[in-house]
Amino acid sequence: MSYPPQQPYVPQPPKKTNTLALVGFILSVVFALLSLMCLPFFGPISLGLSIAGLIQVNKNPNQGGKGLAIAGIAISSLSIVWLFATLLIAGIGLGGLSTMDY
């Protein structure tokens, strides 16, 4: 019993990573580190770039970077929540200091 000849393996070219997804992910990591110092500069920018990158990756199946875009969205969102929680707690703490009698 002989098997028919198999087709040779042709590797697929690697997908090119979406630039917006990559930049959004990098800025989200930078923002996560800067949010520890209460510097809210990159939060909305990294979130917007990550969302735009995810939309572009979903529209074009030849682009990679979907995981980077999702990670950028998650990190940016958590960092924004962390920053607002920190500012809220600090504001409550500072507000309590003004009502103290010395």
C-alpha atoms as a PDB file:
ATOM      1  CA  MET A   1       0.000   0.000   0.000  1.00  0.00           C
ATOM      2  CA  SER A   2       1.502   3.260  -1.010  1.00  0.00           C
ATOM      3  CA  TYR A   3       0.475   6.709   0.039  1.00  0.00           C
ATOM      4  CA  PRO A   4       0.081   9.583  -2.409  1.00  0.00           C
ATOM      5  CA  PRO A   5       2.947  12.071  -2.438  1.00  0.00           C
ATOM      6  CA  GLN A   6       2.547  14.890   0.074  1.00  0.00           C
ATOM      7  CA  GLN A   7       2.740  18.526  -0.784  1.00  0.00           C
ATOM      8  CA  PRO A   8       5.909  20.233   0.437  1.00  0.00           C
ATOM      9  CA  TYR A   9       5.533  22.404   3.526  1.00  0.00           C
ATOM     10  CA  VAL A  10       5.506  26.080   2.659  1.00  0.00           C
ATOM     11  CA  PRO A  11       5.874  28.217   5.773  1.00  0.00           C
ATOM     12  CA  GLN A  12       3.606  31.224   6.075  1.00  0.00           C
ATOM     13  CA  PRO A  13       5.323  34.589   6.266  1.00  0.00           C
ATOM     14  CA  PRO A  14       5.174  36.056   9.765  1.00  0.00           C
ATOM     15  CA  LYS A  15       2.460  38.583  10.437  1.00  0.00           C
ATOM     16  CA  LYS A  16       3.614  42.151  10.757  1.00  0.00           C
ATOM     17  CA  THR A  17       2.834  43.581  14.194  1.00  0.00           C
ATOM     18  CA  ASN A  18       0.445  46.518  14.160  1.00  0.00           C
ATOM     19  CA  THR A  19       2.308  49.701  15.065  1.00  0.00           C
ATOM     20  CA  LEU A  20      -0.553  51.265  17.038  1.00  0.00           C
ATOM     21  CA  ALA A  21      -0.946  48.118  19.116  1.00  0.00           C
ATOM     22  CA  LEU A  22       2.778  48.059  19.885  1.00  0.00           C
ATOM     23  CA  VAL A  23       3.005  51.776  20.746  1.00  0.00           C
ATOM     24  CA  GLY A  24      -0.161  51.555  22.853  1.00  0.00           C
ATOM     25  CA  PHE A  25       1.280  48.629  24.798  1.00  0.00           C
ATOM     26  CA  ILE A  26       4.612  50.378  25.398  1.00  0.00           C
ATOM     27  CA  LEU A  27       2.907  53.588  26.539  1.00  0.00           C
ATOM     28  CA  SER A  28       0.595  51.618  28.830  1.00  0.00           C
ATOM     29  CA  VAL A  29       3.601  50.065  30.571  1.00  0.00           C
ATOM     30  CA  VAL A  30       5.219  53.510  30.863  1.00  0.00           C
ATOM     31  CA  PHE A  31       1.957  54.945  32.204  1.00  0.00           C
ATOM     32  CA  ALA A  32       1.629  52.112  34.708  1.00  0.00           C
ATOM     33  CA  LEU A  33       5.034  53.009  36.099  1.00  0.00           C
ATOM     34  CA  LEU A  34       4.343  56.759  36.043  1.00  0.00           C
ATOM     35  CA  SER A  35       0.929  56.356  37.685  1.00  0.00           C
ATOM     36  CA  LEU A  36       2.738  55.185  40.789  1.00  0.00           C
ATOM     37  CA  MET A  37       4.106  58.737  40.938  1.00  0.00           C
ATOM     38  CA  CYS A  38       0.684  60.293  40.102  1.00  0.00           C
ATOM     39  CA  LEU A  39       1.686  61.499  36.641  1.00  0.00           C
ATOM     40  CA  PRO A  40      -1.452  60.993  34.498  1.00  0.00           C
ATOM     41  CA  PHE A  41      -0.013  61.956  31.112  1.00  0.00           C
ATOM     42  CA  PHE A  42      -0.023  58.773  29.065  1.00  0.00           C
ATOM     43  CA  GLY A  43      -3.201  57.086  30.294  1.00  0.00           C
ATOM     44  CA  PRO A  44      -5.790  58.274  27.770  1.00  0.00           C
ATOM     45  CA  ILE A  45      -3.195  58.280  24.976  1.00  0.00           C
ATOM     46  CA  SER A  46      -2.114  54.675  25.566  1.00  0.00           C
ATOM     47  CA  LEU A  47      -5.716  53.533  25.993  1.00  0.00           C
ATOM     48  CA  GLY A  48      -6.766  55.199  22.733  1.00  0.00           C
ATOM     49  CA  LEU A  49      -3.807  53.833  20.781  1.00  0.00           C
ATOM     50  CA  SER A  50      -4.400  50.324  22.095  1.00  0.00           C
ATOM     51  CA  ILE A  51      -8.088  50.456  21.163  1.00  0.00           C
ATOM     52  CA  ALA A  52      -7.255  51.797  17.683  1.00  0.00           C
ATOM     53  CA  GLY A  53      -4.640  49.062  17.253  1.00  0.00           C
ATOM     54  CA  LEU A  54      -7.145  46.374  18.264  1.00  0.00           C
ATOM     55  CA  ILE A  55      -9.683  47.701  15.760  1.00  0.00           C
ATOM     56  CA  GLN A  56      -7.093  47.670  12.983  1.00  0.00           C
ATOM     57  CA  VAL A  57      -5.896  44.156  13.840  1.00  0.00           C
ATOM     58  CA  ASN A  58      -9.483  42.868  13.812  1.00  0.00           C
ATOM     59  CA  LYS A  59     -10.113  44.446  10.400  1.00  0.00           C
ATOM     60  CA  ASN A  60      -6.916  43.096   8.801  1.00  0.00           C
ATOM     61  CA  PRO A  61      -6.158  39.410   9.486  1.00  0.00           C
ATOM     62  CA  ASN A  62      -2.656  39.803   8.009  1.00  0.00           C
ATOM     63  CA  GLN A  63      -1.559  41.936  10.954  1.00  0.00           C
ATOM     64  CA  GLY A  64      -0.450  40.639  14.310  1.00  0.00           C
ATOM     65  CA  GLY A  65      -0.438  42.342  17.675  1.00  0.00           C
ATOM     66  CA  LYS A  66      -3.903  41.541  18.967  1.00  0.00           C
ATOM     67  CA  GLY A  67      -2.461  40.331  22.264  1.00  0.00           C
ATOM     68  CA  LEU A  68      -0.367  43.487  22.611  1.00  0.00           C
ATOM     69  CA  ALA A  69      -3.434  45.646  21.998  1.00  0.00           C
ATOM     70  CA  ILE A  70      -5.523  43.746  24.553  1.00  0.00           C
ATOM     71  CA  ALA A  71      -2.705  43.900  27.096  1.00  0.00           C
ATOM     72  CA  GLY A  72      -2.318  47.629  26.446  1.00  0.00           C
ATOM     73  CA  ILE A  73      -6.038  48.190  27.037  1.00  0.00           C
ATOM     74  CA  ALA A  74      -5.980  46.158  30.249  1.00  0.00           C
ATOM     75  CA  ILE A  75      -2.836  47.781  31.658  1.00  0.00           C
ATOM     76  CA  SER A  76      -4.006  51.300  30.756  1.00  0.00           C
ATOM     77  CA  SER A  77      -7.438  50.748  32.260  1.00  0.00           C
ATOM     78  CA  LEU A  78      -6.073  49.320  35.499  1.00  0.00           C
ATOM     79  CA  SER A  79      -3.520  52.120  35.754  1.00  0.00           C
ATOM     80  CA  ILE A  80      -6.191  54.785  35.251  1.00  0.00           C
ATOM     81  CA  VAL A  81      -8.346  53.193  37.961  1.00  0.00           C
ATOM     82  CA  TRP A  82      -5.292  52.953  40.251  1.00  0.00           C
ATOM     83  CA  LEU A  83      -4.441  56.611  39.653  1.00  0.00           C
ATOM     84  CA  PHE A  84      -7.966  57.849  40.389  1.00  0.00           C
ATOM     85  CA  ALA A  85      -8.197  55.666  43.502  1.00  0.00           C
ATOM     86  CA  THR A  86      -4.853  57.020  44.719  1.00  0.00           C
ATOM     87  CA  LEU A  87      -5.901  60.616  44.076  1.00  0.00           C
ATOM     88  CA  LEU A  88      -9.254  60.026  45.782  1.00  0.00           C
ATOM     89  CA  ILE A  89      -7.642  58.515  48.865  1.00  0.00           C
ATOM     90  CA  ALA A  90      -5.061  61.302  48.977  1.00  0.00           C
ATOM     91  CA  GLY A  91      -7.794  63.918  48.609  1.00  0.00           C
ATOM     92  CA  ILE A  92      -9.827  62.400  51.422  1.00  0.00           C
ATOM     93  CA  GLY A  93      -6.719  62.258  53.585  1.00  0.00           C
ATOM     94  CA  LEU A  94      -5.792  65.863  52.881  1.00  0.00           C
ATOM     95  CA  GLY A  95      -9.375  66.977  53.424  1.00  0.00           C
ATOM     96  CA  GLY A  96      -9.320  65.362  56.845  1.00  0.00           C
ATOM     97  CA  LEU A  97      -6.188  67.278  57.795  1.00  0.00           C
ATOM     98  CA  SER A  98      -7.893  70.640  57.269  1.00  0.00           C
ATOM     99  CA  THR A  99     -10.607  69.849  59.832  1.00  0.00           C
ATOM    100  CA  MET A 100      -8.217  68.805  62.590  1.00  0.00           C
ATOM    101  CA  ASP A 101      -7.763  71.087  65.582  1.00  0.00           C
ATOM    102  CA  TYR A 102      -4.236  71.614  66.689  1.00  0.00           C
END
